[in-house]
């Protein structure tokens, strides 16, 4: 949350956004927000990716499995990018959008 645009370097702001999002998750689902977040990261992480394989001047895309750490990083990136894009020029706060993204990923709802 703190590494893009006007939020660059604002760790306290990022912590407050996540804290408010977890409170909203607890109110909407009635479950532990950390468990909801972990399940959302598991559901949102990609299992397969494509990479560039080049030989003899010919470049083609090859499907490869994704490492567990990359799955976690990409899942968190997708959720933060989605909530950041939804909250731009919108009435809803970024905490509300982050909570919605996490809940939708938790429910496997695209």
N, C-alpha and C. Protein backbone atom coordinates (compact mmCIF):
# COMPACT_ATOMS: atom_id res chain seq x y z
N UNK A 1 0.81 -1.19 0.00
CA UNK A 1 0.00 0.00 0.00
C UNK A 1 0.86 1.27 0.00
N UNK A 2 2.07 1.18 0.52
CA UNK A 2 2.85 2.40 0.68
C UNK A 2 3.83 2.66 -0.45
N UNK A 3 3.84 1.82 -1.48
CA UNK A 3 4.88 1.94 -2.49
C UNK A 3 4.40 2.49 -3.81
N UNK A 4 3.33 3.25 -3.85
CA UNK A 4 2.85 3.71 -5.15
C UNK A 4 2.29 5.12 -5.05
N UNK A 5 2.77 5.98 -5.92
CA UNK A 5 2.20 7.32 -6.06
C UNK A 5 2.34 8.17 -4.82
N UNK A 6 1.23 8.74 -4.40
CA UNK A 6 1.28 9.69 -3.29
C UNK A 6 1.43 9.01 -1.93
N UNK A 7 1.33 7.68 -1.87
CA UNK A 7 1.52 6.97 -0.61
C UNK A 7 2.94 6.49 -0.41
N UNK A 8 3.86 6.89 -1.26
CA UNK A 8 5.23 6.41 -1.20
C UNK A 8 5.86 6.79 0.14
N UNK A 9 6.32 5.79 0.88
CA UNK A 9 7.03 6.02 2.12
C UNK A 9 6.16 6.30 3.32
N UNK A 10 4.85 6.26 3.19
CA UNK A 10 3.96 6.59 4.30
C UNK A 10 3.49 5.30 4.98
N UNK A 11 4.36 4.79 5.85
CA UNK A 11 4.09 3.51 6.48
C UNK A 11 2.92 3.59 7.46
N UNK A 12 2.83 4.67 8.20
CA UNK A 12 1.74 4.82 9.17
C UNK A 12 0.38 4.85 8.47
N UNK A 13 0.33 5.51 7.32
CA UNK A 13 -0.91 5.55 6.55
C UNK A 13 -1.29 4.16 6.04
N UNK A 14 -0.30 3.41 5.58
CA UNK A 14 -0.55 2.04 5.09
C UNK A 14 -1.03 1.15 6.23
N UNK A 15 -0.46 1.29 7.41
CA UNK A 15 -0.88 0.48 8.56
C UNK A 15 -2.31 0.81 8.93
N UNK A 16 -2.68 2.09 8.92
CA UNK A 16 -4.05 2.47 9.25
C UNK A 16 -5.04 1.95 8.21
N UNK A 17 -4.66 1.96 6.93
CA UNK A 17 -5.54 1.43 5.88
C UNK A 17 -5.81 -0.04 6.11
N UNK A 18 -4.76 -0.81 6.39
CA UNK A 18 -4.92 -2.25 6.60
C UNK A 18 -5.70 -2.52 7.88
N UNK A 19 -5.43 -1.74 8.94
CA UNK A 19 -6.15 -1.93 10.20
C UNK A 19 -7.64 -1.67 10.01
N UNK A 20 -7.99 -0.60 9.32
CA UNK A 20 -9.40 -0.30 9.06
C UNK A 20 -10.04 -1.37 8.18
N UNK A 21 -9.29 -1.87 7.20
CA UNK A 21 -9.82 -2.93 6.34
C UNK A 21 -10.09 -4.19 7.15
N UNK A 22 -9.21 -4.54 8.09
CA UNK A 22 -9.43 -5.72 8.91
C UNK A 22 -10.64 -5.55 9.83
N UNK A 23 -10.87 -4.33 10.33
CA UNK A 23 -12.06 -4.07 11.15
C UNK A 23 -13.33 -4.24 10.31
N UNK A 24 -13.30 -3.76 9.07
CA UNK A 24 -14.46 -3.90 8.18
C UNK A 24 -14.70 -5.39 7.87
N UNK A 25 -13.62 -6.14 7.64
CA UNK A 25 -13.75 -7.58 7.37
C UNK A 25 -14.38 -8.29 8.55
N UNK A 26 -13.97 -7.93 9.77
CA UNK A 26 -14.53 -8.55 10.97
C UNK A 26 -16.02 -8.22 11.10
N UNK A 27 -16.40 -6.99 10.78
CA UNK A 27 -17.81 -6.62 10.87
C UNK A 27 -18.66 -7.32 9.82
N UNK A 28 -18.13 -7.47 8.61
CA UNK A 28 -18.92 -8.06 7.52
C UNK A 28 -18.99 -9.59 7.60
N UNK A 29 -17.91 -10.24 7.99
CA UNK A 29 -17.90 -11.71 7.99
C UNK A 29 -18.09 -12.31 9.37
N UNK A 30 -17.71 -11.58 10.41
CA UNK A 30 -17.80 -12.12 11.76
C UNK A 30 -16.70 -13.12 12.08
N UNK A 31 -15.71 -13.22 11.22
CA UNK A 31 -14.61 -14.16 11.43
C UNK A 31 -13.32 -13.39 11.72
N UNK A 32 -12.28 -14.16 12.06
CA UNK A 32 -10.98 -13.57 12.34
C UNK A 32 -10.41 -13.00 11.03
N UNK A 33 -10.09 -11.71 10.97
CA UNK A 33 -9.61 -11.10 9.73
C UNK A 33 -8.32 -11.70 9.21
N UNK A 34 -7.42 -12.15 10.09
CA UNK A 34 -6.17 -12.74 9.62
C UNK A 34 -6.41 -14.08 8.93
N UNK A 35 -7.35 -14.87 9.44
CA UNK A 35 -7.67 -16.13 8.78
C UNK A 35 -8.30 -15.87 7.42
N UNK A 36 -9.17 -14.85 7.35
CA UNK A 36 -9.79 -14.49 6.08
C UNK A 36 -8.72 -14.04 5.09
N UNK A 37 -7.75 -13.25 5.56
CA UNK A 37 -6.69 -12.75 4.68
C UNK A 37 -5.80 -13.89 4.17
N UNK A 38 -5.45 -14.83 5.05
CA UNK A 38 -4.60 -15.95 4.64
C UNK A 38 -5.32 -16.80 3.60
N UNK A 39 -6.59 -17.08 3.82
CA UNK A 39 -7.37 -17.87 2.85
C UNK A 39 -7.51 -17.11 1.54
N UNK A 40 -7.65 -15.78 1.60
CA UNK A 40 -7.76 -14.97 0.38
C UNK A 40 -6.46 -15.01 -0.41
N UNK A 41 -5.33 -14.95 0.27
CA UNK A 41 -4.03 -15.02 -0.43
C UNK A 41 -3.85 -16.38 -1.07
N UNK A 42 -4.29 -17.44 -0.39
CA UNK A 42 -4.19 -18.78 -0.96
C UNK A 42 -5.04 -18.88 -2.21
N UNK A 43 -6.25 -18.33 -2.18
CA UNK A 43 -7.16 -18.41 -3.33
C UNK A 43 -6.73 -17.52 -4.48
N UNK A 44 -6.13 -16.36 -4.18
CA UNK A 44 -5.84 -15.37 -5.22
C UNK A 44 -4.50 -15.60 -5.92
N UNK A 45 -3.64 -16.43 -5.35
CA UNK A 45 -2.32 -16.64 -5.94
C UNK A 45 -2.38 -17.47 -7.21
N UNK A 46 -1.61 -17.08 -8.23
CA UNK A 46 -1.60 -17.87 -9.47
C UNK A 46 -0.82 -19.17 -9.29
N UNK A 47 -1.31 -20.22 -9.91
CA UNK A 47 -0.65 -21.52 -9.81
C UNK A 47 0.30 -21.76 -10.98
N UNK A 48 0.06 -21.05 -12.08
CA UNK A 48 0.85 -21.24 -13.29
C UNK A 48 1.11 -19.88 -13.92
N UNK A 49 2.28 -19.73 -14.53
CA UNK A 49 2.66 -18.48 -15.17
C UNK A 49 3.37 -18.82 -16.48
N UNK A 50 3.59 -17.82 -17.29
CA UNK A 50 4.33 -18.05 -18.53
C UNK A 50 5.63 -17.25 -18.50
N UNK A 51 6.66 -17.84 -19.07
CA UNK A 51 7.97 -17.19 -19.11
C UNK A 51 8.50 -17.25 -20.54
N UNK A 52 9.48 -16.41 -20.82
CA UNK A 52 10.06 -16.36 -22.17
C UNK A 52 11.20 -17.35 -22.28
N UNK A 53 11.09 -18.22 -23.26
CA UNK A 53 12.16 -19.18 -23.55
C UNK A 53 12.69 -18.84 -24.93
N UNK A 54 13.98 -18.51 -25.03
CA UNK A 54 14.57 -18.13 -26.32
C UNK A 54 15.69 -19.07 -26.71
N UNK A 55 15.63 -19.56 -27.93
CA UNK A 55 16.73 -20.39 -28.44
C UNK A 55 16.83 -20.19 -29.94
N UNK A 56 18.01 -19.90 -30.41
CA UNK A 56 18.22 -19.71 -31.84
C UNK A 56 17.54 -18.48 -32.40
N UNK A 57 17.36 -17.46 -31.59
CA UNK A 57 16.73 -16.23 -32.07
C UNK A 57 15.21 -16.28 -32.06
N UNK A 58 14.63 -17.40 -31.70
CA UNK A 58 13.17 -17.54 -31.64
C UNK A 58 12.75 -17.48 -30.18
N UNK A 59 11.84 -16.57 -29.87
CA UNK A 59 11.36 -16.41 -28.50
C UNK A 59 9.92 -16.90 -28.44
N UNK A 60 9.64 -17.79 -27.48
CA UNK A 60 8.27 -18.26 -27.32
C UNK A 60 7.94 -18.29 -25.84
N UNK A 61 6.66 -18.34 -25.53
CA UNK A 61 6.20 -18.36 -24.15
C UNK A 61 6.03 -19.81 -23.70
N UNK A 62 6.51 -20.10 -22.50
CA UNK A 62 6.43 -21.46 -21.95
C UNK A 62 5.70 -21.40 -20.60
N UNK A 63 4.73 -22.27 -20.39
CA UNK A 63 4.02 -22.34 -19.12
C UNK A 63 4.90 -22.99 -18.07
N UNK A 64 4.98 -22.36 -16.89
CA UNK A 64 5.80 -22.89 -15.80
C UNK A 64 5.00 -22.78 -14.50
N UNK A 65 5.35 -23.61 -13.52
CA UNK A 65 4.75 -23.53 -12.20
C UNK A 65 5.31 -22.31 -11.47
N UNK A 66 4.53 -21.79 -10.53
CA UNK A 66 4.92 -20.60 -9.78
C UNK A 66 5.40 -21.03 -8.39
N UNK A 67 6.50 -20.46 -7.93
CA UNK A 67 7.01 -20.79 -6.60
C UNK A 67 6.06 -20.25 -5.53
N UNK A 68 6.05 -20.86 -4.35
CA UNK A 68 5.12 -20.42 -3.30
C UNK A 68 5.29 -18.97 -2.87
N UNK A 69 6.53 -18.50 -2.78
CA UNK A 69 6.75 -17.11 -2.38
C UNK A 69 6.22 -16.14 -3.43
N UNK A 70 6.44 -16.46 -4.70
CA UNK A 70 5.92 -15.61 -5.77
C UNK A 70 4.39 -15.62 -5.78
N UNK A 71 3.77 -16.75 -5.47
CA UNK A 71 2.31 -16.81 -5.40
C UNK A 71 1.79 -15.83 -4.37
N UNK A 72 2.42 -15.80 -3.20
CA UNK A 72 2.00 -14.88 -2.14
C UNK A 72 2.20 -13.44 -2.58
N UNK A 73 3.37 -13.13 -3.13
CA UNK A 73 3.67 -11.76 -3.54
C UNK A 73 2.72 -11.28 -4.63
N UNK A 74 2.44 -12.12 -5.62
CA UNK A 74 1.57 -11.72 -6.72
C UNK A 74 0.13 -11.56 -6.23
N UNK A 75 -0.31 -12.43 -5.32
CA UNK A 75 -1.67 -12.32 -4.79
C UNK A 75 -1.86 -11.01 -4.04
N UNK A 76 -0.90 -10.65 -3.20
CA UNK A 76 -1.00 -9.39 -2.46
C UNK A 76 -0.92 -8.22 -3.42
N UNK A 77 -0.08 -8.31 -4.44
CA UNK A 77 0.03 -7.24 -5.43
C UNK A 77 -1.30 -7.05 -6.17
N UNK A 78 -1.92 -8.15 -6.58
CA UNK A 78 -3.20 -8.05 -7.31
C UNK A 78 -4.28 -7.42 -6.44
N UNK A 79 -4.34 -7.81 -5.16
CA UNK A 79 -5.37 -7.25 -4.28
C UNK A 79 -5.16 -5.76 -4.04
N UNK A 80 -3.90 -5.35 -3.80
CA UNK A 80 -3.64 -3.93 -3.54
C UNK A 80 -3.84 -3.10 -4.81
N UNK A 81 -3.45 -3.64 -5.95
CA UNK A 81 -3.65 -2.90 -7.20
C UNK A 81 -5.14 -2.74 -7.51
N UNK A 82 -5.90 -3.78 -7.26
CA UNK A 82 -7.34 -3.72 -7.49
C UNK A 82 -8.02 -2.70 -6.61
N UNK A 83 -7.68 -2.67 -5.33
CA UNK A 83 -8.33 -1.72 -4.43
C UNK A 83 -7.85 -0.30 -4.71
N UNK A 84 -6.61 -0.14 -5.12
CA UNK A 84 -6.09 1.19 -5.45
C UNK A 84 -6.80 1.73 -6.69
N UNK A 85 -7.00 0.88 -7.70
CA UNK A 85 -7.67 1.32 -8.92
C UNK A 85 -9.14 1.63 -8.67
N UNK A 86 -9.80 0.84 -7.81
CA UNK A 86 -11.21 1.07 -7.54
C UNK A 86 -11.45 2.33 -6.71
N UNK A 87 -10.49 2.70 -5.86
CA UNK A 87 -10.72 3.84 -4.98
C UNK A 87 -10.36 5.18 -5.63
N UNK A 88 -9.70 5.15 -6.78
CA UNK A 88 -9.39 6.40 -7.46
C UNK A 88 -10.67 7.04 -8.00
N UNK A 89 -10.86 8.30 -7.71
CA UNK A 89 -12.03 9.07 -8.15
C UNK A 89 -13.33 8.37 -7.77
N UNK A 90 -13.37 7.88 -6.54
CA UNK A 90 -14.54 7.18 -6.04
C UNK A 90 -14.88 7.71 -4.65
N UNK A 91 -16.10 7.52 -4.24
CA UNK A 91 -16.53 7.97 -2.92
C UNK A 91 -16.03 7.01 -1.84
N UNK A 92 -15.91 5.73 -2.20
CA UNK A 92 -15.49 4.73 -1.22
C UNK A 92 -14.03 4.91 -0.85
N UNK A 93 -13.72 4.62 0.41
CA UNK A 93 -12.34 4.76 0.86
C UNK A 93 -11.52 3.55 0.41
N UNK A 94 -10.21 3.69 0.49
CA UNK A 94 -9.33 2.60 0.07
C UNK A 94 -9.44 1.43 1.04
N UNK A 95 -9.76 1.69 2.31
CA UNK A 95 -9.94 0.61 3.28
C UNK A 95 -11.16 -0.23 2.94
N UNK A 96 -12.25 0.42 2.53
CA UNK A 96 -13.45 -0.32 2.15
C UNK A 96 -13.19 -1.18 0.91
N UNK A 97 -12.48 -0.61 -0.06
CA UNK A 97 -12.17 -1.37 -1.27
C UNK A 97 -11.22 -2.53 -0.98
N UNK A 98 -10.25 -2.32 -0.11
CA UNK A 98 -9.33 -3.40 0.25
C UNK A 98 -10.09 -4.53 0.96
N UNK A 99 -11.00 -4.17 1.85
CA UNK A 99 -11.80 -5.18 2.53
C UNK A 99 -12.65 -5.97 1.53
N UNK A 100 -13.22 -5.28 0.54
CA UNK A 100 -14.01 -5.96 -0.48
C UNK A 100 -13.15 -6.91 -1.31
N UNK A 101 -11.96 -6.47 -1.68
CA UNK A 101 -11.06 -7.33 -2.46
C UNK A 101 -10.69 -8.58 -1.67
N UNK A 102 -10.38 -8.42 -0.39
CA UNK A 102 -9.99 -9.56 0.43
C UNK A 102 -11.16 -10.52 0.62
N UNK A 103 -12.35 -9.98 0.86
CA UNK A 103 -13.52 -10.84 1.05
C UNK A 103 -13.87 -11.58 -0.23
N UNK A 104 -13.78 -10.90 -1.38
CA UNK A 104 -14.07 -11.56 -2.65
C UNK A 104 -13.06 -12.67 -2.95
N UNK A 105 -11.78 -12.42 -2.64
CA UNK A 105 -10.78 -13.46 -2.85
C UNK A 105 -10.98 -14.61 -1.86
N UNK A 106 -11.44 -14.29 -0.67
CA UNK A 106 -11.71 -15.32 0.35
C UNK A 106 -12.85 -16.24 -0.11
N UNK A 107 -13.86 -15.65 -0.74
CA UNK A 107 -15.00 -16.43 -1.21
C UNK A 107 -14.79 -17.02 -2.60
N UNK A 108 -13.60 -16.81 -3.19
CA UNK A 108 -13.31 -17.25 -4.56
C UNK A 108 -14.27 -16.62 -5.54
N UNK A 109 -14.61 -15.38 -5.29
CA UNK A 109 -15.54 -14.63 -6.11
C UNK A 109 -14.74 -13.66 -6.97
N UNK A 110 -14.76 -13.77 -8.29
CA UNK A 110 -13.91 -12.88 -9.11
C UNK A 110 -14.38 -11.44 -9.11
